[in-house]
C-alpha atoms as a PDB file:
ATOM      1  CA  MET A   1      59.266 -90.193  99.947  1.00  0.00           C
ATOM      2  CA  ASP A   2      60.430 -87.166 101.894  1.00  0.00           C
ATOM      3  CA  THR A   3      58.867 -86.496 105.275  1.00  0.00           C
ATOM      4  CA  ARG A   4      58.140 -83.465 107.425  1.00  0.00           C
ATOM      5  CA  LYS A   5      56.809 -82.897 110.940  1.00  0.00           C
ATOM      6  CA  ILE A   6      53.395 -82.066 112.379  1.00  0.00           C
ATOM      7  CA  GLY A   7      54.145 -81.615 116.040  1.00  0.00           C
ATOM      8  CA  SER A   8      55.607 -84.961 117.130  1.00  0.00           C
ATOM      9  CA  LEU A   9      54.213 -86.736 114.064  1.00  0.00           C
ATOM     10  CA  THR A  10      56.288 -87.572 110.996  1.00  0.00           C
ATOM     11  CA  VAL A  11      54.314 -87.499 107.738  1.00  0.00           C
ATOM     12  CA  SER A  12      54.957 -87.982 104.033  1.00  0.00           C
ATOM     13  CA  VAL A  13      55.112 -84.731 102.060  1.00  0.00           C
ATOM     14  CA  VAL A  14      52.269 -86.063  99.906  1.00  0.00           C
ATOM     15  CA  GLY A  15      49.136 -87.041 101.823  1.00  0.00           C
ATOM     16  CA  LEU A  16      45.838 -88.604 100.802  1.00  0.00           C
ATOM     17  CA  GLY A  17      42.641 -86.615 101.213  1.00  0.00           C
ATOM     18  CA  CYS A  18      39.767 -89.006 101.823  1.00  0.00           C
ATOM     19  CA  ASN A  19      36.790 -86.764 101.045  1.00  0.00           C
ATOM     20  CA  ASN A  20      35.944 -88.830  97.943  1.00  0.00           C
ATOM     21  CA  PHE A  21      35.366 -91.997  99.953  1.00  0.00           C
ATOM     22  CA  GLY A  22      31.661 -92.721 100.265  1.00  0.00           C
ATOM     23  CA  MET A  23      30.825 -89.792  98.009  1.00  0.00           C
ATOM     24  CA  ARG A  24      32.466 -90.242  94.598  1.00  0.00           C
ATOM     25  CA  ILE A  25      33.741 -93.798  95.091  1.00  0.00           C
ATOM     26  CA  GLY A  26      32.481 -96.833  96.985  1.00  0.00           C
ATOM     27  CA  ARG A  27      34.040 -99.322  99.362  1.00  0.00           C
ATOM     28  CA  SER A  28      35.893-101.497  96.817  1.00  0.00           C
ATOM     29  CA  GLU A  29      37.316 -98.462  94.973  1.00  0.00           C
ATOM     30  CA  THR A  30      38.385 -97.025  98.334  1.00  0.00           C
ATOM     31  CA  ASP A  31      40.252-100.243  99.098  1.00  0.00           C
ATOM     32  CA  THR A  32      42.109 -99.916  95.788  1.00  0.00           C
ATOM     33  CA  VAL A  33      43.044 -96.254  96.294  1.00  0.00           C
ATOM     34  CA  VAL A  34      44.158 -96.774  99.904  1.00  0.00           C
ATOM     35  CA  GLY A  35      46.242 -99.787  98.871  1.00  0.00           C
ATOM     36  CA  ALA A  36      47.926 -97.769  96.139  1.00  0.00           C
ATOM     37  CA  ALA A  37      48.671 -94.957  98.595  1.00  0.00           C
ATOM     38  CA  LEU A  38      50.206 -97.331 101.131  1.00  0.00           C
ATOM     39  CA  ASP A  39      52.342 -98.958  98.440  1.00  0.00           C
ATOM     40  CA  ALA A  40      53.487 -95.519  97.238  1.00  0.00           C
ATOM     41  CA  GLY A  41      54.768 -94.579 100.692  1.00  0.00           C
ATOM     42  CA  ILE A  42      52.000 -92.137 101.629  1.00  0.00           C
ATOM     43  CA  THR A  43      51.658 -92.056 105.404  1.00  0.00           C
ATOM     44  CA  LEU A  44      49.229 -89.168 106.052  1.00  0.00           C
ATOM     45  CA  PHE A  45      45.554 -90.038 105.531  1.00  0.00           C
ATOM     46  CA  ASP A  46      43.190 -87.122 106.132  1.00  0.00           C
ATOM     47  CA  THR A  47      39.442 -87.597 106.579  1.00  0.00           C
ATOM     48  CA  ALA A  48      36.569 -86.034 108.571  1.00  0.00           C
ATOM     49  CA  ASP A  49      33.452 -87.251 110.314  1.00  0.00           C
ATOM     50  CA  VAL A  50      31.235 -85.536 107.720  1.00  0.00           C
ATOM     51  CA  TYR A  51      33.007 -86.780 104.583  1.00  0.00           C
ATOM     52  CA  GLY A  52      30.876 -89.092 102.498  1.00  0.00           C
ATOM     53  CA  GLY A  53      27.993 -88.772 104.945  1.00  0.00           C
ATOM     54  CA  THR A  54      30.241 -90.437 107.611  1.00  0.00           C
ATOM     55  CA  LYS A  55      31.138 -93.287 105.207  1.00  0.00           C
ATOM     56  CA  SER A  56      34.653 -91.951 104.560  1.00  0.00           C
ATOM     57  CA  GLU A  57      35.845 -92.857 108.049  1.00  0.00           C
ATOM     58  CA  GLU A  58      34.164 -96.245 107.850  1.00  0.00           C
ATOM     59  CA  TYR A  59      35.601 -97.105 104.435  1.00  0.00           C
ATOM     60  CA  LEU A  60      39.061 -95.807 105.339  1.00  0.00           C
ATOM     61  CA  GLY A  61      39.226 -97.781 108.566  1.00  0.00           C
ATOM     62  CA  ALA A  62      38.233-100.973 106.790  1.00  0.00           C
ATOM     63  CA  ALA A  63      40.701-100.384 103.953  1.00  0.00           C
ATOM     64  CA  LEU A  64      43.604 -99.789 106.340  1.00  0.00           C
ATOM     65  CA  GLY A  65      42.863-102.897 108.371  1.00  0.00           C
ATOM     66  CA  ALA A  66      45.973-104.361 109.981  1.00  0.00           C
ATOM     67  CA  ARG A  67      48.126-101.600 108.430  1.00  0.00           C
ATOM     68  CA  ARG A  68      46.481 -98.842 110.466  1.00  0.00           C
ATOM     69  CA  ASP A  69      49.545 -98.318 112.677  1.00  0.00           C
ATOM     70  CA  GLU A  70      51.789 -97.795 109.639  1.00  0.00           C
ATOM     71  CA  ILE A  71      50.186 -94.415 108.955  1.00  0.00           C
ATOM     72  CA  VAL A  72      49.276 -91.083 110.539  1.00  0.00           C
ATOM     73  CA  LEU A  73      45.490 -91.023 110.743  1.00  0.00           C
ATOM     74  CA  ALA A  74      43.905 -87.572 110.761  1.00  0.00           C
ATOM     75  CA  THR A  75      40.228 -86.765 111.111  1.00  0.00           C
ATOM     76  CA  LYS A  76      38.084 -83.764 112.009  1.00  0.00           C
ATOM     77  CA  PHE A  77      35.110 -82.707 114.114  1.00  0.00           C
ATOM     78  CA  ALA A  78      32.931 -79.580 114.570  1.00  0.00           C
ATOM     79  CA  VAL A  79      30.757 -79.549 111.415  1.00  0.00           C
ATOM     80  CA  PRO A  80      27.114 -80.465 112.220  1.00  0.00           C
ATOM     81  CA  TYR A  81      25.732 -83.679 110.695  1.00  0.00           C
ATOM     82  CA  GLU A  82      22.710 -85.916 111.257  1.00  0.00           C
ATOM     83  CA  ASP A  83      21.895 -85.671 114.975  1.00  0.00           C
ATOM     84  CA  HIS A  84      25.271 -84.122 115.820  1.00  0.00           C
ATOM     85  CA  ALA A  85      25.096 -80.428 116.670  1.00  0.00           C
ATOM     86  CA  GLY A  86      28.705 -79.707 115.804  1.00  0.00           C
ATOM     87  CA  GLY A  87      30.931 -77.173 117.481  1.00  0.00           C
ATOM     88  CA  ALA A  88      33.907 -77.516 119.798  1.00  0.00           C
ATOM     89  CA  SER A  89      32.391 -77.735 123.263  1.00  0.00           C
ATOM     90  CA  PRO A  90      34.021 -80.219 125.661  1.00  0.00           C
ATOM     91  CA  ALA A  91      31.020 -82.570 125.629  1.00  0.00           C
ATOM     92  CA  TYR A  92      30.662 -82.495 121.866  1.00  0.00           C
ATOM     93  CA  ILE A  93      34.347 -83.145 121.219  1.00  0.00           C
ATOM     94  CA  ARG A  94      34.168 -86.352 123.229  1.00  0.00           C
ATOM     95  CA  THR A  95      30.955 -87.485 121.519  1.00  0.00           C
ATOM     96  CA  ALA A  96      32.333 -86.773 118.061  1.00  0.00           C
ATOM     97  CA  LEU A  97      35.644 -88.485 118.773  1.00  0.00           C
ATOM     98  CA  GLU A  98      34.045 -91.661 120.108  1.00  0.00           C
ATOM     99  CA  ASP A  99      31.881 -91.909 116.995  1.00  0.00           C
ATOM    100  CA  SER A 100      34.918 -91.362 114.757  1.00  0.00           C
ATOM    101  CA  LEU A 101      36.927 -94.002 116.606  1.00  0.00           C
ATOM    102  CA  ARG A 102      34.089 -96.497 116.163  1.00  0.00           C
ATOM    103  CA  ARG A 103      33.785 -95.831 112.428  1.00  0.00           C
ATOM    104  CA  LEU A 104      37.551 -95.897 111.903  1.00  0.00           C
ATOM    105  CA  GLY A 105      37.947 -99.104 113.900  1.00  0.00           C
ATOM    106  CA  THR A 106      40.788 -97.746 116.010  1.00  0.00           C
ATOM    107  CA  ASP A 107      41.452 -96.758 119.607  1.00  0.00           C
ATOM    108  CA  HIS A 108      43.181 -93.462 118.830  1.00  0.00           C
ATOM    109  CA  VAL A 109      43.500 -90.682 116.253  1.00  0.00           C
ATOM    110  CA  ASP A 110      46.969 -89.383 115.449  1.00  0.00           C
ATOM    111  CA  LEU A 111      45.818 -85.881 114.453  1.00  0.00           C
ATOM    112  CA  LEU A 112      42.390 -84.660 115.545  1.00  0.00           C
ATOM    113  CA  GLN A 113      41.460 -81.392 113.841  1.00  0.00           C
ATOM    114  CA  GLN A 114      38.791 -78.855 114.708  1.00  0.00           C
ATOM    115  CA  HIS A 115      37.133 -78.448 111.304  1.00  0.00           C
ATOM    116  CA  LEU A 116      35.640 -74.996 111.935  1.00  0.00           C
ATOM    117  CA  PRO A 117      35.990 -72.217 114.517  1.00  0.00           C
ATOM    118  CA  ASP A 118      33.343 -72.166 117.267  1.00  0.00           C
ATOM    119  CA  ASP A 119      32.535 -68.662 118.493  1.00  0.00           C
ATOM    120  CA  LYS A 120      30.159 -70.048 121.152  1.00  0.00           C
ATOM    121  CA  THR A 121      32.816 -71.994 123.040  1.00  0.00           C
ATOM    122  CA  PRO A 122      35.841 -70.345 124.706  1.00  0.00           C
ATOM    123  CA  VAL A 123      38.947 -71.641 122.976  1.00  0.00           C
ATOM    124  CA  ALA A 124      40.483 -72.427 126.376  1.00  0.00           C
ATOM    125  CA  ASP A 125      37.671 -74.911 127.028  1.00  0.00           C
ATOM    126  CA  THR A 126      38.248 -76.565 123.651  1.00  0.00           C
ATOM    127  CA  LEU A 127      41.999 -76.760 124.180  1.00  0.00           C
ATOM    128  CA  GLY A 128      41.559 -78.133 127.683  1.00  0.00           C
ATOM    129  CA  THR A 129      39.433 -81.034 126.476  1.00  0.00           C
ATOM    130  CA  LEU A 130      41.764 -81.797 123.578  1.00  0.00           C
ATOM    131  CA  ALA A 131      44.696 -81.834 126.001  1.00  0.00           C
ATOM    132  CA  GLU A 132      42.799 -84.278 128.214  1.00  0.00           C
ATOM    133  CA  LEU A 133      42.286 -86.575 125.222  1.00  0.00           C
ATOM    134  CA  VAL A 134      46.035 -86.501 124.556  1.00  0.00           C
ATOM    135  CA  ALA A 135      46.690 -87.454 128.185  1.00  0.00           C
ATOM    136  CA  GLU A 136      44.158 -90.286 127.864  1.00  0.00           C
ATOM    137  CA  GLY A 137      45.913 -91.649 124.774  1.00  0.00           C
ATOM    138  CA  LYS A 138      42.931 -91.219 122.466  1.00  0.00           C
ATOM    139  CA  VAL A 139      44.625 -88.419 120.479  1.00  0.00           C
ATOM    140  CA  ARG A 140      48.339 -87.942 119.771  1.00  0.00           C
ATOM    141  CA  GLU A 141      48.233 -84.365 118.441  1.00  0.00           C
ATOM    142  CA  PHE A 142      45.482 -81.899 117.575  1.00  0.00           C
ATOM    143  CA  GLY A 143      45.090 -79.091 115.080  1.00  0.00           C
ATOM    144  CA  CYS A 144      42.540 -76.746 113.581  1.00  0.00           C
ATOM    145  CA  SER A 145      41.131 -75.826 110.201  1.00  0.00           C
ATOM    146  CA  ASN A 146      39.729 -72.640 108.681  1.00  0.00           C
ATOM    147  CA  PHE A 147      41.243 -70.457 111.422  1.00  0.00           C
ATOM    148  CA  ASN A 148      42.527 -66.981 110.574  1.00  0.00           C
ATOM    149  CA  GLY A 149      45.582 -65.305 112.078  1.00  0.00           C
ATOM    150  CA  THR A 150      43.676 -63.669 114.921  1.00  0.00           C
ATOM    151  CA  MET A 151      42.074 -66.962 115.934  1.00  0.00           C
ATOM    152  CA  LEU A 152      45.421 -68.732 115.907  1.00  0.00           C
ATOM    153  CA  THR A 153      47.002 -66.013 118.045  1.00  0.00           C
ATOM    154  CA  GLU A 154      44.147 -66.173 120.564  1.00  0.00           C
ATOM    155  CA  ALA A 155      44.408 -69.953 120.733  1.00  0.00           C
ATOM    156  CA  ALA A 156      48.161 -69.780 121.321  1.00  0.00           C
ATOM    157  CA  ALA A 157      47.640 -67.272 124.134  1.00  0.00           C
ATOM    158  CA  ALA A 158      45.101 -69.603 125.775  1.00  0.00           C
ATOM    159  CA  VAL A 159      47.654 -72.396 126.232  1.00  0.00           C
ATOM    160  CA  VAL A 160      48.944 -72.409 129.822  1.00  0.00           C
ATOM    161  CA  ASN A 161      51.462 -74.361 131.888  1.00  0.00           C
ATOM    162  CA  ALA A 162      53.152 -75.973 128.877  1.00  0.00           C
ATOM    163  CA  ALA A 163      49.924 -77.744 127.929  1.00  0.00           C
ATOM    164  CA  PRO A 164      49.581 -78.901 124.311  1.00  0.00           C
ATOM    165  CA  GLY A 165      48.058 -76.584 121.719  1.00  0.00           C
ATOM    166  CA  TYR A 166      47.172 -76.700 118.048  1.00  0.00           C
ATOM    167  CA  VAL A 167      50.146 -78.121 116.144  1.00  0.00           C
ATOM    168  CA  SER A 168      48.642 -77.584 112.688  1.00  0.00           C
ATOM    169  CA  VAL A 169      46.217 -75.494 110.706  1.00  0.00           C
ATOM    170  CA  GLN A 170      44.511 -76.724 107.543  1.00  0.00           C
ATOM    171  CA  ASN A 171      43.277 -73.923 105.260  1.00  0.00           C
ATOM    172  CA  GLN A 172      42.639 -73.447 101.575  1.00  0.00           C
ATOM    173  CA  TYR A 173      45.869 -72.627  99.733  1.00  0.00           C
ATOM    174  CA  ASN A 174      47.230 -73.070  96.233  1.00  0.00           C
ATOM    175  CA  VAL A 175      49.119 -71.030  93.654  1.00  0.00           C
ATOM    176  CA  LEU A 176      45.813 -69.473  92.533  1.00  0.00           C
ATOM    177  CA  TYR A 177      44.532 -68.751  96.076  1.00  0.00           C
ATOM    178  CA  ARG A 178      47.060 -66.935  98.251  1.00  0.00           C
ATOM    179  CA  GLU A 179      45.098 -65.585 101.234  1.00  0.00           C
ATOM    180  CA  PRO A 180      47.047 -67.573 103.896  1.00  0.00           C
ATOM    181  CA  GLU A 181      50.129 -65.531 103.034  1.00  0.00           C
ATOM    182  CA  ASP A 182      48.590 -62.479 104.726  1.00  0.00           C
ATOM    183  CA  GLU A 183      48.371 -63.812 108.293  1.00  0.00           C
ATOM    184  CA  VAL A 184      48.321 -67.571 108.664  1.00  0.00           C
ATOM    185  CA  LEU A 185      51.590 -68.598 107.011  1.00  0.00           C
ATOM    186  CA  PRO A 186      53.560 -65.874 108.838  1.00  0.00           C
ATOM    187  CA  PHE A 187      52.058 -67.195 112.105  1.00  0.00           C
ATOM    188  CA  CYS A 188      53.121 -70.727 111.178  1.00  0.00           C
ATOM    189  CA  ASP A 189      56.635 -69.567 110.310  1.00  0.00           C
ATOM    190  CA  ARG A 190      56.969 -67.760 113.653  1.00  0.00           C
ATOM    191  CA  THR A 191      55.579 -70.525 115.848  1.00  0.00           C
ATOM    192  CA  GLY A 192      56.522 -73.753 114.077  1.00  0.00           C
ATOM    193  CA  THR A 193      52.883 -74.614 113.474  1.00  0.00           C
ATOM    194  CA  ALA A 194      52.482 -76.982 110.523  1.00  0.00           C
ATOM    195  CA  PHE A 195      50.384 -75.793 107.597  1.00  0.00           C
ATOM    196  CA  LEU A 196      48.234 -78.259 105.630  1.00  0.00           C
ATOM    197  CA  PRO A 197      46.788 -76.823 102.409  1.00  0.00           C
ATOM    198  CA  TYR A 198      43.414 -78.044 101.247  1.00  0.00           C
ATOM    199  CA  PHE A 199      42.285 -77.642  97.630  1.00  0.00           C
ATOM    200  CA  PRO A 200      45.977 -77.793  96.609  1.00  0.00           C
ATOM    201  CA  LEU A 201      44.902 -78.324  93.005  1.00  0.00           C
ATOM    202  CA  ALA A 202      42.184 -75.632  93.135  1.00  0.00           C
ATOM    203  CA  SER A 203      39.389 -78.242  92.978  1.00  0.00           C
ATOM    204  CA  GLY A 204      41.161 -79.916  90.062  1.00  0.00           C
ATOM    205  CA  LEU A 205      41.841 -76.783  88.024  1.00  0.00           C
ATOM    206  CA  LEU A 206      45.586 -77.381  88.456  1.00  0.00           C
ATOM    207  CA  SER A 207      45.363 -81.045  87.492  1.00  0.00           C
ATOM    208  CA  GLY A 208      45.746 -80.361  83.776  1.00  0.00           C
ATOM    209  CA  LYS A 209      42.283 -81.705  82.910  1.00  0.00           C
ATOM    210  CA  TYR A 210      40.768 -78.395  81.872  1.00  0.00           C
ATOM    211  CA  ARG A 211      41.474 -76.356  78.730  1.00  0.00           C
ATOM    212  CA  ALA A 212      40.274 -72.973  77.506  1.00  0.00           C
ATOM    213  CA  GLY A 213      37.455 -73.252  74.979  1.00  0.00           C
ATOM    214  CA  GLU A 214      36.592 -76.817  76.027  1.00  0.00           C
ATOM    215  CA  GLU A 215      33.795 -78.142  78.237  1.00  0.00           C
ATOM    216  CA  ALA A 216      34.823 -79.580  81.583  1.00  0.00           C
ATOM    217  CA  PRO A 217      35.414 -83.334  81.112  1.00  0.00           C
ATOM    218  CA  GLU A 218      32.488 -85.494  82.146  1.00  0.00           C
ATOM    219  CA  GLY A 219      32.849 -86.985  85.609  1.00  0.00           C
ATOM    220  CA  THR A 220      35.166 -84.266  86.924  1.00  0.00           C
ATOM    221  CA  ARG A 221      34.374 -82.259  90.040  1.00  0.00           C
ATOM    222  CA  LEU A 222      34.010 -78.934  88.230  1.00  0.00           C
ATOM    223  CA  ALA A 223      31.669 -80.488  85.659  1.00  0.00           C
ATOM    224  CA  ALA A 224      29.480 -81.779  88.494  1.00  0.00           C
ATOM    225  CA  TRP A 225      29.394 -78.304  90.064  1.00  0.00           C
ATOM    226  CA  GLY A 226      27.387 -76.857  87.160  1.00  0.00           C
ATOM    227  CA  GLU A 227      27.285 -73.062  87.183  1.00  0.00           C
ATOM    228  CA  ARG A 228      29.701 -72.853  90.100  1.00  0.00           C
ATOM    229  CA  GLY A 229      32.146 -74.961  88.106  1.00  0.00           C
ATOM    230  CA  LYS A 230      31.850 -72.648  85.107  1.00  0.00           C
ATOM    231  CA  LYS A 231      32.783 -69.689  87.306  1.00  0.00           C
ATOM    232  CA  GLU A 232      35.878 -71.547  88.484  1.00  0.00           C
ATOM    233  CA  LEU A 233      36.778 -72.125  84.830  1.00  0.00           C
ATOM    234  CA  SER A 234      36.930 -68.462  83.918  1.00  0.00           C
ATOM    235  CA  ASP A 235      39.072 -67.371  80.985  1.00  0.00           C
ATOM    236  CA  GLU A 236      41.422 -65.514  83.349  1.00  0.00           C
ATOM    237  CA  ARG A 237      42.014 -68.555  85.569  1.00  0.00           C
ATOM    238  CA  LEU A 238      42.407 -70.920  82.617  1.00  0.00           C
ATOM    239  CA  ALA A 239      44.954 -68.545  81.067  1.00  0.00           C
ATOM    240  CA  LYS A 240      47.011 -68.643  84.270  1.00  0.00           C
ATOM    241  CA  VAL A 241      46.810 -72.435  84.370  1.00  0.00           C
ATOM    242  CA  ALA A 242      47.933 -72.651  80.738  1.00  0.00           C
ATOM    243  CA  ALA A 243      50.904 -70.384  81.458  1.00  0.00           C
ATOM    244  CA  LEU A 244      51.854 -72.412  84.548  1.00  0.00           C
ATOM    245  CA  ASP A 245      51.554 -75.602  82.523  1.00  0.00           C
ATOM    246  CA  ALA A 246      53.843 -74.215  79.809  1.00  0.00           C
ATOM    247  CA  LEU A 247      56.370 -73.193  82.480  1.00  0.00           C
ATOM    248  CA  ALA A 248      56.362 -76.702  83.969  1.00  0.00           C
ATOM    249  CA  ARG A 249      56.496 -78.492  80.596  1.00  0.00           C
ATOM    250  CA  ALA A 250      59.597 -76.541  79.649  1.00  0.00           C
ATOM    251  CA  GLU A 251      61.238 -78.446  82.513  1.00  0.00           C
ATOM    252  CA  GLY A 252      59.687 -81.804  81.569  1.00  0.00           C
ATOM    253  CA  HIS A 253      56.928 -81.590  84.176  1.00  0.00           C
ATOM    254  CA  THR A 254      53.209 -80.832  84.370  1.00  0.00           C
ATOM    255  CA  VAL A 255      51.117 -78.132  85.992  1.00  0.00           C
ATOM    256  CA  LEU A 256      50.134 -80.701  88.640  1.00  0.00           C
ATOM    257  CA  ASP A 257      53.815 -81.226  89.459  1.00  0.00           C
ATOM    258  CA  LEU A 258      54.263 -77.471  89.745  1.00  0.00           C
ATOM    259  CA  ALA A 259      51.220 -77.099  92.013  1.00  0.00           C
ATOM    260  CA  PHE A 260      52.700 -79.601  94.491  1.00  0.00           C
ATOM    261  CA  ALA A 261      56.263 -78.310  94.242  1.00  0.00           C
ATOM    262  CA  TRP A 262      55.180 -74.696  94.692  1.00  0.00           C
ATOM    263  CA  LEU A 263      53.343 -75.560  97.910  1.00  0.00           C
ATOM    264  CA  LEU A 264      56.199 -77.684  99.243  1.00  0.00           C
ATOM    265  CA  SER A 265      58.644 -74.833  98.613  1.00  0.00           C
ATOM    266  CA  HIS A 266      57.084 -73.184 101.691  1.00  0.00           C
ATOM    267  CA  PRO A 267      58.840 -74.577 104.797  1.00  0.00           C
ATOM    268  CA  SER A 268      55.701 -74.488 106.951  1.00  0.00           C
ATOM    269  CA  VAL A 269      53.767 -76.746 104.557  1.00  0.00           C
ATOM    270  CA  ALA A 270      54.058 -80.189 106.131  1.00  0.00           C
ATOM    271  CA  SER A 271      52.193 -82.210 103.521  1.00  0.00           C
ATOM    272  CA  VAL A 272      50.139 -81.635 100.383  1.00  0.00           C
ATOM    273  CA  ILE A 273      46.891 -83.506 100.886  1.00  0.00           C
ATOM    274  CA  ALA A 274      45.188 -84.317  97.593  1.00  0.00           C
ATOM    275  CA  GLY A 275      42.179 -86.511  96.950  1.00  0.00           C
ATOM    276  CA  ALA A 276      42.184 -89.442  94.541  1.00  0.00           C
ATOM    277  CA  THR A 277      39.615 -91.762  93.010  1.00  0.00           C
ATOM    278  CA  LYS A 278      42.063 -93.901  91.009  1.00  0.00           C
ATOM    279  CA  PRO A 279      45.499 -95.440  91.606  1.00  0.00           C
ATOM    280  CA  GLU A 280      46.881 -93.459  88.655  1.00  0.00           C
ATOM    281  CA  GLN A 281      46.191 -90.246  90.547  1.00  0.00           C
ATOM    282  CA  ILE A 282      48.124 -91.579  93.525  1.00  0.00           C
ATOM    283  CA  ALA A 283      51.096 -92.250  91.250  1.00  0.00           C
ATOM    284  CA  ALA A 284      50.915 -88.769  89.721  1.00  0.00           C
ATOM    285  CA  ASN A 285      50.634 -87.058  93.119  1.00  0.00           C
ATOM    286  CA  THR A 286      53.525 -89.062  94.545  1.00  0.00           C
ATOM    287  CA  ALA A 287      55.749 -88.197  91.588  1.00  0.00           C
ATOM    288  CA  ALA A 288      54.794 -84.536  91.875  1.00  0.00           C
ATOM    289  CA  GLY A 289      56.004 -84.456  95.475  1.00  0.00           C
ATOM    290  CA  GLN A 290      59.508 -85.446  94.367  1.00  0.00           C
ATOM    291  CA  TRP A 291      60.212 -82.414  92.154  1.00  0.00           C
ATOM    292  CA  ASN A 292      62.323 -79.578  93.561  1.00  0.00           C
ATOM    293  CA  PRO A 293      62.223 -76.759  90.983  1.00  0.00           C
ATOM    294  CA  SER A 294      64.674 -73.887  91.061  1.00  0.00           C
ATOM    295  CA  ALA A 295      64.002 -70.657  92.930  1.00  0.00           C
ATOM    296  CA  GLU A 296      63.961 -68.907  89.567  1.00  0.00           C
ATOM    297  CA  LEU A 297      61.189 -71.132  88.245  1.00  0.00           C
ATOM    298  CA  LEU A 298      59.159 -70.671  91.415  1.00  0.00           C
ATOM    299  CA  ALA A 299      59.527 -66.899  91.060  1.00  0.00           C
ATOM    300  CA  GLN A 300      58.206 -67.190  87.503  1.00  0.00           C
ATOM    301  CA  ALA A 301      55.188 -69.094  88.813  1.00  0.00           C
ATOM    302  CA  ASP A 302      54.585 -66.309  91.343  1.00  0.00           C
ATOM    303  CA  ALA A 303      54.692 -63.769  88.508  1.00  0.00           C
ATOM    304  CA  ILE A 304      52.093 -65.730  86.515  1.00  0.00           C
ATOM    305  CA  ALA A 305      49.740 -66.020  89.473  1.00  0.00           C
ATOM    306  CA  PRO A 306      50.707 -63.143  91.752  1.00  0.00           C
ATOM    307  CA  ARG A 307      49.590 -62.773  95.326  1.00  0.00           C
END
């Protein structure tokens, strides 16, 4: 599998999002999915302290076992949960990290990401503590998530004396949701910051499971979302998906393949992190990351789902 860089880290262009662990699948199913990902050459595993009610980190750590050092392990902090207040204050970062390390069964995190902005804590204080954790060997690199262009610029300006800063930003981005193109992707292109898109398949809409005039398949995420899922499955969005699917199939591929390839056509995108509950999804995601469509085809996709 091809690789790209997140700071000093080298990662596979297809990553595994671990938000399903402890929520949609249990420990044994997690073991199966993680094993399939390792065998497929996936090296970026992305979780968070709040995923699965904290079980995601626990299940992932157990599933990796002795193979933990073969991969780039990414987790997140800042979202409140249980008796944890959340945020990005120096004291909270250390508390959250120690709890994550315990659940993951490791002594360090390769990529520690601030899950949400914290307007109560000066970004310089947050960056200072994260830099200390790098110096202590508990974190190799750190990034952020859900930051806009202004926040990223302010954070970059707060880095002094060649200290480390955010090497990545993880925001929602897919061919149907283009907001990062306004500010965040241009920032990444200018600064070399890695971009990690979440919801790369638009919550499954770009997986090929959903068809106009048909109910959402039982057991899928959008079916479980009820009324919210029905809004996602609007006629307009389904028409775009159908057109993208037809475009891909003319080249012997699927809309899922196109969703991955379209994201990876952007140089700043380091890895497409997609969730999975079955080994077959791992295989499909891995195959999708190997397609390099022509510039002409990508332009056609942009015309179907314009910015």
